[in-house]
C-alpha atoms as a PDB file:
ATOM      1  CA  ASP A   1      -2.709-148.319  17.428  1.00  0.00           C
ATOM      2  CA  ILE A   2      -6.213-148.085  16.777  1.00  0.00           C
ATOM      3  CA  ARG A   3      -5.609-146.358  13.420  1.00  0.00           C
ATOM      4  CA  SER A   4      -3.774-149.438  11.813  1.00  0.00           C
ATOM      5  CA  ILE A   5      -6.657-151.773  12.169  1.00  0.00           C
ATOM      6  CA  ASP A   6      -8.309-152.973   9.188  1.00  0.00           C
ATOM      7  CA  TRP A   7     -12.010-152.731   9.835  1.00  0.00           C
ATOM      8  CA  LYS A   8     -13.473-154.204   6.595  1.00  0.00           C
ATOM      9  CA  HIS A   9     -11.207-157.709   7.096  1.00  0.00           C
ATOM     10  CA  SER A  10     -12.067-157.493  10.936  1.00  0.00           C
ATOM     11  CA  ALA A  11     -15.674-157.894  10.169  1.00  0.00           C
ATOM     12  CA  ARG A  12     -15.212-160.309   7.336  1.00  0.00           C
ATOM     13  CA  HIS A  13     -12.779-162.600   9.888  1.00  0.00           C
ATOM     14  CA  HIS A  14     -15.145-162.050  12.790  1.00  0.00           C
ATOM     15  CA  ARG A  15     -11.630-160.792  14.690  1.00  0.00           C
ATOM     16  CA  LEU A  16      -9.383-157.581  14.833  1.00  0.00           C
ATOM     17  CA  VAL A  17      -7.078-157.480  11.592  1.00  0.00           C
ATOM     18  CA  SER A  18      -4.243-155.057  11.854  1.00  0.00           C
ATOM     19  CA  LYS A  19      -2.151-153.756   9.262  1.00  0.00           C
ATOM     20  CA  GLU A  20       1.628-153.655   9.463  1.00  0.00           C
ATOM     21  CA  PHE A  21       3.495-150.904   7.931  1.00  0.00           C
ATOM     22  CA  LEU A  22       7.391-151.408   6.909  1.00  0.00           C
ATOM     23  CA  ALA A  23       9.979-148.841   6.100  1.00  0.00           C
ATOM     24  CA  GLU A  24      10.962-148.900   2.354  1.00  0.00           C
ATOM     25  CA  ARG A  25      14.096-150.045   1.863  1.00  0.00           C
ATOM     26  CA  ASP A  26      16.979-149.811  -0.759  1.00  0.00           C
ATOM     27  CA  ARG A  27      16.396-146.421  -1.564  1.00  0.00           C
ATOM     28  CA  GLN A  28      19.542-145.227  -3.945  1.00  0.00           C
ATOM     29  CA  ILE A  29      21.637-142.235  -2.251  1.00  0.00           C
ATOM     30  CA  ILE A  30      24.299-140.622  -4.688  1.00  0.00           C
ATOM     31  CA  LEU A  31      27.069-138.501  -2.311  1.00  0.00           C
ATOM     32  CA  ALA A  32      28.300-135.950  -4.916  1.00  0.00           C
ATOM     33  CA  PHE A  33      31.324-134.049  -4.340  1.00  0.00           C
ATOM     34  CA  ASP A  34      32.641-130.864  -5.829  1.00  0.00           C
ATOM     35  CA  SER A  35      36.426-130.793  -5.495  1.00  0.00           C
ATOM     36  CA  GLY A  36      36.771-127.529  -7.372  1.00  0.00           C
ATOM     37  CA  HIS A  37      38.832-124.620  -5.968  1.00  0.00           C
ATOM     38  CA  LEU A  38      36.171-123.425  -3.866  1.00  0.00           C
ATOM     39  CA  MET A  39      36.027-126.335  -1.949  1.00  0.00           C
ATOM     40  CA  SER A  40      39.818-126.223  -1.131  1.00  0.00           C
ATOM     41  CA  GLU A  41      39.151-123.014   0.615  1.00  0.00           C
ATOM     42  CA  PRO A  42      39.403-123.203   4.575  1.00  0.00           C
ATOM     43  CA  GLU A  43      36.468-123.255   6.753  1.00  0.00           C
ATOM     44  CA  ALA A  44      37.384-123.687  10.613  1.00  0.00           C
ATOM     45  CA  GLY A  45      40.738-124.127   9.706  1.00  0.00           C
ATOM     46  CA  ILE A  46      40.022-127.701   7.227  1.00  0.00           C
ATOM     47  CA  PRO A  47      39.370-127.375   3.596  1.00  0.00           C
ATOM     48  CA  ARG A  48      35.356-127.205   2.832  1.00  0.00           C
ATOM     49  CA  LEU A  49      35.804-130.307   0.902  1.00  0.00           C
ATOM     50  CA  ASP A  50      37.136-132.573   3.929  1.00  0.00           C
ATOM     51  CA  HIS A  51      34.226-131.027   5.822  1.00  0.00           C
ATOM     52  CA  ALA A  52      31.868-132.405   2.679  1.00  0.00           C
ATOM     53  CA  ILE A  53      33.632-135.657   3.078  1.00  0.00           C
ATOM     54  CA  ASN A  54      33.004-136.192   6.861  1.00  0.00           C
ATOM     55  CA  ALA A  55      29.480-135.140   6.580  1.00  0.00           C
ATOM     56  CA  GLY A  56      29.282-137.296   3.444  1.00  0.00           C
ATOM     57  CA  LEU A  57      30.889-140.625   5.339  1.00  0.00           C
ATOM     58  CA  MET A  58      28.200-140.084   8.099  1.00  0.00           C
ATOM     59  CA  LEU A  59      25.482-139.943   5.694  1.00  0.00           C
ATOM     60  CA  ALA A  60      26.943-143.041   4.080  1.00  0.00           C
ATOM     61  CA  TYR A  61      26.916-145.117   7.282  1.00  0.00           C
ATOM     62  CA  SER A  62      23.569-144.121   7.879  1.00  0.00           C
ATOM     63  CA  CYS A  63      22.352-144.908   4.393  1.00  0.00           C
ATOM     64  CA  VAL A  64      23.729-148.661   4.550  1.00  0.00           C
ATOM     65  CA  ALA A  65      22.731-148.875   8.059  1.00  0.00           C
ATOM     66  CA  GLY A  66      19.049-148.474   7.397  1.00  0.00           C
ATOM     67  CA  GLY A  67      19.327-151.132   4.401  1.00  0.00           C
ATOM     68  CA  ASP A  68      19.694-148.333   1.236  1.00  0.00           C
ATOM     69  CA  ARG A  69      22.105-148.334  -1.490  1.00  0.00           C
ATOM     70  CA  VAL A  70      24.663-145.758  -1.592  1.00  0.00           C
ATOM     71  CA  GLY A  71      26.977-144.525  -4.134  1.00  0.00           C
ATOM     72  CA  ALA A  72      29.782-141.795  -4.547  1.00  0.00           C
ATOM     73  CA  PHE A  73      30.617-139.088  -7.478  1.00  0.00           C
ATOM     74  CA  GLY A  74      33.540-136.702  -7.151  1.00  0.00           C
ATOM     75  CA  PHE A  75      33.858-133.955 -10.153  1.00  0.00           C
ATOM     76  CA  ASP A  76      35.536-130.575 -10.664  1.00  0.00           C
ATOM     77  CA  SER A  77      36.295-129.409 -14.040  1.00  0.00           C
ATOM     78  CA  SER A  78      36.129-133.356 -15.118  1.00  0.00           C
ATOM     79  CA  LEU A  79      34.833-136.401 -13.801  1.00  0.00           C
ATOM     80  CA  ARG A  80      37.274-137.607 -11.036  1.00  0.00           C
ATOM     81  CA  GLN A  81      35.466-140.600  -9.041  1.00  0.00           C
ATOM     82  CA  PHE A  82      32.432-142.965  -9.418  1.00  0.00           C
ATOM     83  CA  MET A  83      31.076-145.671  -7.336  1.00  0.00           C
ATOM     84  CA  LYS A  84      27.997-147.309  -8.399  1.00  0.00           C
ATOM     85  CA  PRO A  85      25.479-147.721  -5.425  1.00  0.00           C
ATOM     86  CA  GLY A  86      25.776-150.858  -3.415  1.00  0.00           C
ATOM     87  CA  SER A  87      24.477-151.768  -0.209  1.00  0.00           C
ATOM     88  CA  GLY A  88      26.159-153.029   3.187  1.00  0.00           C
ATOM     89  CA  MET A  89      29.199-152.207   5.031  1.00  0.00           C
ATOM     90  CA  GLY A  90      30.950-153.389   2.011  1.00  0.00           C
ATOM     91  CA  ALA A  91      29.891-150.452   0.183  1.00  0.00           C
ATOM     92  CA  PHE A  92      30.809-147.922   2.820  1.00  0.00           C
ATOM     93  CA  HIS A  93      34.208-149.365   2.714  1.00  0.00           C
ATOM     94  CA  ARG A  94      34.588-148.597  -1.193  1.00  0.00           C
ATOM     95  CA  ILE A  95      33.192-145.045  -0.348  1.00  0.00           C
ATOM     96  CA  GLN A  96      35.855-144.457   2.115  1.00  0.00           C
ATOM     97  CA  GLU A  97      38.283-145.685  -0.595  1.00  0.00           C
ATOM     98  CA  VAL A  98      36.725-143.327  -2.982  1.00  0.00           C
ATOM     99  CA  CYS A  99      36.740-140.406  -0.689  1.00  0.00           C
ATOM    100  CA  ALA A 100      40.296-141.010   0.219  1.00  0.00           C
ATOM    101  CA  ARG A 101      41.371-140.453  -3.769  1.00  0.00           C
ATOM    102  CA  LEU A 102      39.321-137.207  -3.929  1.00  0.00           C
ATOM    103  CA  ASP A 103      42.181-134.230  -4.200  1.00  0.00           C
ATOM    104  CA  TYR A 104      41.723-130.505  -4.021  1.00  0.00           C
ATOM    105  CA  SER A 105      41.738-128.896  -7.587  1.00  0.00           C
ATOM    106  CA  PRO A 106      42.498-125.432  -8.689  1.00  0.00           C
ATOM    107  CA  ALA A 107      40.091-125.816 -11.293  1.00  0.00           C
ATOM    108  CA  GLU A 108      36.581-124.304 -11.690  1.00  0.00           C
ATOM    109  CA  THR A 109      33.990-126.588 -11.209  1.00  0.00           C
ATOM    110  CA  ASN A 110      32.448-127.342 -14.593  1.00  0.00           C
ATOM    111  CA  PHE A 111      28.222-128.678 -13.653  1.00  0.00           C
ATOM    112  CA  THR A 112      27.469-128.906 -16.740  1.00  0.00           C
ATOM    113  CA  LEU A 113      29.814-131.693 -17.736  1.00  0.00           C
ATOM    114  CA  GLY A 114      29.940-133.064 -14.360  1.00  0.00           C
ATOM    115  CA  LEU A 115      25.954-133.236 -13.225  1.00  0.00           C
ATOM    116  CA  SER A 116      25.012-134.521 -16.664  1.00  0.00           C
ATOM    117  CA  SER A 117      27.589-137.109 -16.610  1.00  0.00           C
ATOM    118  CA  LEU A 118      25.766-137.947 -13.190  1.00  0.00           C
ATOM    119  CA  ALA A 119      22.360-138.258 -14.605  1.00  0.00           C
ATOM    120  CA  GLY A 120      23.666-140.355 -17.318  1.00  0.00           C
ATOM    121  CA  ARG A 121      25.018-143.017 -15.106  1.00  0.00           C
ATOM    122  CA  LEU A 122      21.427-143.195 -12.970  1.00  0.00           C
ATOM    123  CA  ASN A 123      19.308-145.842 -13.959  1.00  0.00           C
ATOM    124  CA  ARG A 124      16.903-145.003 -11.613  1.00  0.00           C
ATOM    125  CA  ARG A 125      15.218-142.266  -9.289  1.00  0.00           C
ATOM    126  CA  SER A 126      17.849-141.530  -6.563  1.00  0.00           C
ATOM    127  CA  LEU A 127      18.455-139.093  -3.904  1.00  0.00           C
ATOM    128  CA  VAL A 128      21.333-137.035  -4.931  1.00  0.00           C
ATOM    129  CA  VAL A 129      23.422-135.364  -1.971  1.00  0.00           C
ATOM    130  CA  LEU A 130      25.424-132.485  -3.803  1.00  0.00           C
ATOM    131  CA  PHE A 131      28.145-131.221  -1.771  1.00  0.00           C
ATOM    132  CA  THR A 132      29.582-127.761  -3.384  1.00  0.00           C
ATOM    133  CA  ASP A 133      29.788-124.050  -2.828  1.00  0.00           C
ATOM    134  CA  PHE A 134      29.353-120.943  -4.863  1.00  0.00           C
ATOM    135  CA  ILE A 135      30.253-117.149  -4.564  1.00  0.00           C
ATOM    136  CA  ASP A 136      27.528-114.762  -6.096  1.00  0.00           C
ATOM    137  CA  THR A 137      24.756-115.244  -8.204  1.00  0.00           C
ATOM    138  CA  VAL A 138      26.516-114.740 -11.375  1.00  0.00           C
ATOM    139  CA  THR A 139      28.694-117.532 -10.794  1.00  0.00           C
ATOM    140  CA  ALA A 140      25.920-119.736  -9.813  1.00  0.00           C
ATOM    141  CA  GLU A 141      24.013-119.560 -12.817  1.00  0.00           C
ATOM    142  CA  LEU A 142      25.620-122.367 -14.476  1.00  0.00           C
ATOM    143  CA  MET A 143      24.997-124.594 -11.333  1.00  0.00           C
ATOM    144  CA  LEU A 144      21.469-123.395 -11.025  1.00  0.00           C
ATOM    145  CA  GLU A 145      20.618-124.504 -14.603  1.00  0.00           C
ATOM    146  CA  ASN A 146      22.259-127.841 -13.994  1.00  0.00           C
ATOM    147  CA  ILE A 147      21.017-128.941 -10.692  1.00  0.00           C
ATOM    148  CA  GLN A 148      17.182-127.722 -12.059  1.00  0.00           C
ATOM    149  CA  ARG A 149      17.994-130.241 -15.284  1.00  0.00           C
ATOM    150  CA  LEU A 150      18.860-132.877 -12.718  1.00  0.00           C
ATOM    151  CA  SER A 151      16.135-132.605 -10.374  1.00  0.00           C
ATOM    152  CA  ARG A 152      13.629-133.257 -12.732  1.00  0.00           C
ATOM    153  CA  ARG A 153      14.058-136.896 -12.436  1.00  0.00           C
ATOM    154  CA  HIS A 154      15.881-137.326  -9.148  1.00  0.00           C
ATOM    155  CA  LEU A 155      15.671-135.442  -5.615  1.00  0.00           C
ATOM    156  CA  VAL A 156      18.606-132.976  -5.013  1.00  0.00           C
ATOM    157  CA  LEU A 157      19.870-132.060  -1.501  1.00  0.00           C
ATOM    158  CA  PHE A 158      22.132-128.964  -1.711  1.00  0.00           C
ATOM    159  CA  VAL A 159      24.619-129.074   0.867  1.00  0.00           C
ATOM    160  CA  ALA A 160      27.003-125.784   1.398  1.00  0.00           C
ATOM    161  CA  LEU A 161      28.722-124.718   4.494  1.00  0.00           C
ATOM    162  CA  ARG A 162      27.932-121.260   6.123  1.00  0.00           C
ATOM    163  CA  ASP A 163      30.720-118.968   5.990  1.00  0.00           C
ATOM    164  CA  LEU A 164      31.313-117.740   9.729  1.00  0.00           C
ATOM    165  CA  THR A 165      33.540-115.295   8.813  1.00  0.00           C
ATOM    166  CA  LEU A 166      31.432-113.584   6.315  1.00  0.00           C
ATOM    167  CA  ASP A 167      28.469-113.474   8.895  1.00  0.00           C
ATOM    168  CA  SER A 168      31.020-111.805  11.364  1.00  0.00           C
ATOM    169  CA  LEU A 169      32.217-109.448   8.831  1.00  0.00           C
ATOM    170  CA  ALA A 170      28.530-108.629   7.992  1.00  0.00           C
ATOM    171  CA  HIS A 171      27.183-107.930  11.576  1.00  0.00           C
ATOM    172  CA  GLN A 172      30.349-106.535  13.602  1.00  0.00           C
ATOM    173  CA  GLU A 173      30.231-102.712  14.427  1.00  0.00           C
ATOM    174  CA  PRO A 174      32.842-101.029  12.050  1.00  0.00           C
ATOM    175  CA  GLU A 175      35.175 -99.054  13.712  1.00  0.00           C
ATOM    176  CA  ASN A 176      36.432 -96.822  10.737  1.00  0.00           C
ATOM    177  CA  MET A 177      35.625 -96.432   6.971  1.00  0.00           C
ATOM    178  CA  THR A 178      37.299 -99.505   6.216  1.00  0.00           C
ATOM    179  CA  GLY A 179      35.485-101.372   8.385  1.00  0.00           C
ATOM    180  CA  VAL A 180      32.337-100.311   7.113  1.00  0.00           C
ATOM    181  CA  SER A 181      33.635-101.051   3.548  1.00  0.00           C
ATOM    182  CA  ARG A 182      34.145-104.809   4.772  1.00  0.00           C
ATOM    183  CA  SER A 183      30.956-104.999   5.978  1.00  0.00           C
ATOM    184  CA  VAL A 184      29.053-103.764   2.969  1.00  0.00           C
ATOM    185  CA  ILE A 185      30.680-106.116   1.157  1.00  0.00           C
ATOM    186  CA  ALA A 186      30.017-109.028   3.308  1.00  0.00           C
ATOM    187  CA  PHE A 187      26.693-108.433   3.460  1.00  0.00           C
ATOM    188  CA  ASP A 188      26.180-107.772  -0.265  1.00  0.00           C
ATOM    189  CA  PHE A 189      27.924-111.508  -0.421  1.00  0.00           C
ATOM    190  CA  LEU A 190      25.309-113.097   1.938  1.00  0.00           C
ATOM    191  CA  ARG A 191      22.629-111.263   0.220  1.00  0.00           C
ATOM    192  CA  GLU A 192      23.437-112.812  -2.982  1.00  0.00           C
ATOM    193  CA  ARG A 193      23.758-116.060  -1.171  1.00  0.00           C
ATOM    194  CA  ARG A 194      20.218-115.898   0.105  1.00  0.00           C
ATOM    195  CA  ILE A 195      18.914-115.130  -3.549  1.00  0.00           C
ATOM    196  CA  VAL A 196      20.868-118.299  -4.666  1.00  0.00           C
ATOM    197  CA  LEU A 197      19.382-120.747  -2.111  1.00  0.00           C
ATOM    198  CA  GLU A 198      16.039-119.300  -2.528  1.00  0.00           C
ATOM    199  CA  LYS A 199      15.993-119.971  -6.116  1.00  0.00           C
ATOM    200  CA  LEU A 200      17.312-123.619  -5.376  1.00  0.00           C
ATOM    201  CA  ARG A 201      14.095-124.075  -3.105  1.00  0.00           C
ATOM    202  CA  ARG A 202      11.775-122.818  -5.487  1.00  0.00           C
ATOM    203  CA  LEU A 203      13.135-125.311  -7.764  1.00  0.00           C
ATOM    204  CA  GLY A 204      12.197-128.007  -5.536  1.00  0.00           C
ATOM    205  CA  VAL A 205      15.703-128.867  -4.130  1.00  0.00           C
ATOM    206  CA  HIS A 206      16.321-129.255  -0.764  1.00  0.00           C
ATOM    207  CA  VAL A 207      18.746-126.924   0.697  1.00  0.00           C
ATOM    208  CA  ILE A 208      21.152-127.162   3.757  1.00  0.00           C
ATOM    209  CA  GLU A 209      23.553-124.221   4.531  1.00  0.00           C
ATOM    210  CA  ALA A 210      25.014-125.074   8.033  1.00  0.00           C
ATOM    211  CA  PRO A 211      28.227-124.578   9.817  1.00  0.00           C
ATOM    212  CA  ALA A 212      30.856-126.900   9.717  1.00  0.00           C
ATOM    213  CA  ASN A 213      30.685-128.433  13.260  1.00  0.00           C
ATOM    214  CA  ALA A 214      26.929-129.205  12.521  1.00  0.00           C
ATOM    215  CA  VAL A 215      26.459-130.105   8.895  1.00  0.00           C
ATOM    216  CA  GLY A 216      26.858-133.894   9.243  1.00  0.00           C
ATOM    217  CA  ALA A 217      24.203-133.995  11.873  1.00  0.00           C
ATOM    218  CA  ASP A 218      22.043-131.695   9.729  1.00  0.00           C
ATOM    219  CA  VAL A 219      22.584-133.748   6.396  1.00  0.00           C
ATOM    220  CA  ILE A 220      21.757-136.943   8.466  1.00  0.00           C
ATOM    221  CA  ASN A 221      18.685-135.637   9.806  1.00  0.00           C
ATOM    222  CA  HIS A 222      17.248-134.351   6.502  1.00  0.00           C
ATOM    223  CA  TYR A 223      17.958-137.670   5.009  1.00  0.00           C
ATOM    224  CA  LEU A 224      15.836-139.406   7.464  1.00  0.00           C
ATOM    225  CA  LYS A 225      12.956-136.717   7.004  1.00  0.00           C
ATOM    226  CA  ILE A 226      12.964-137.442   3.491  1.00  0.00           C
ATOM    227  CA  LYS A 227      12.510-141.101   4.042  1.00  0.00           C
ATOM    228  CA  ARG A 228       9.913-140.331   6.596  1.00  0.00           C
ATOM    229  CA  LEU A 229       7.934-138.394   4.116  1.00  0.00           C
ATOM    230  CA  GLU A 230       8.901-141.250   1.218  1.00  0.00           C
ATOM    231  CA  LEU A 231      10.064-138.388  -1.193  1.00  0.00           C
ATOM    232  CA  ILE A 232      12.164-141.207  -2.992  1.00  0.00           C
END
């Protein structure tokens, strides 16, 4: 590629010299799983936590294949699991074991405890992939506050599943007053979700909201985009 030619060195050595660029390796990626009660709710017949774990394992495999270090973190009302970042297929198998030990919790997620505990365990700038969910702007306040604090040092990728049932209720044509009421309530929930996601983007957080059958591919593509742009 003519753009890689180093013209000054070429002139000095009287022959063409080109620069060779290598992709940076050994980045640190943390898969953070919220296992609180909202993540036990089903989406497409499977609990949201299971969808998150499947997407996380797909990403973990891509990370170790690309030479990066990957770790895992699980929390709800308290810290459940933590694995220090490691490299190679050994790290991938350990993440599989950590994910297998994650269980559904009926407790409400404590973002203050969880994300502050995670930040205290990270000794270098990392990509934190947070798999979680929320209901509305009120319940998301503490989540936003703690994600903002985490994003001051680390790059955060926020991953949530799109609620297709809510989409359907909001946009279907109502047949009676009960249907009208359901559509209005569903539309209000969607509007509040959009508000929260926009607030996250304004904080510099990368956001993915995808259907369950597409979230894994979307997470990997966004990870590759972050690497390409050298954001970590």
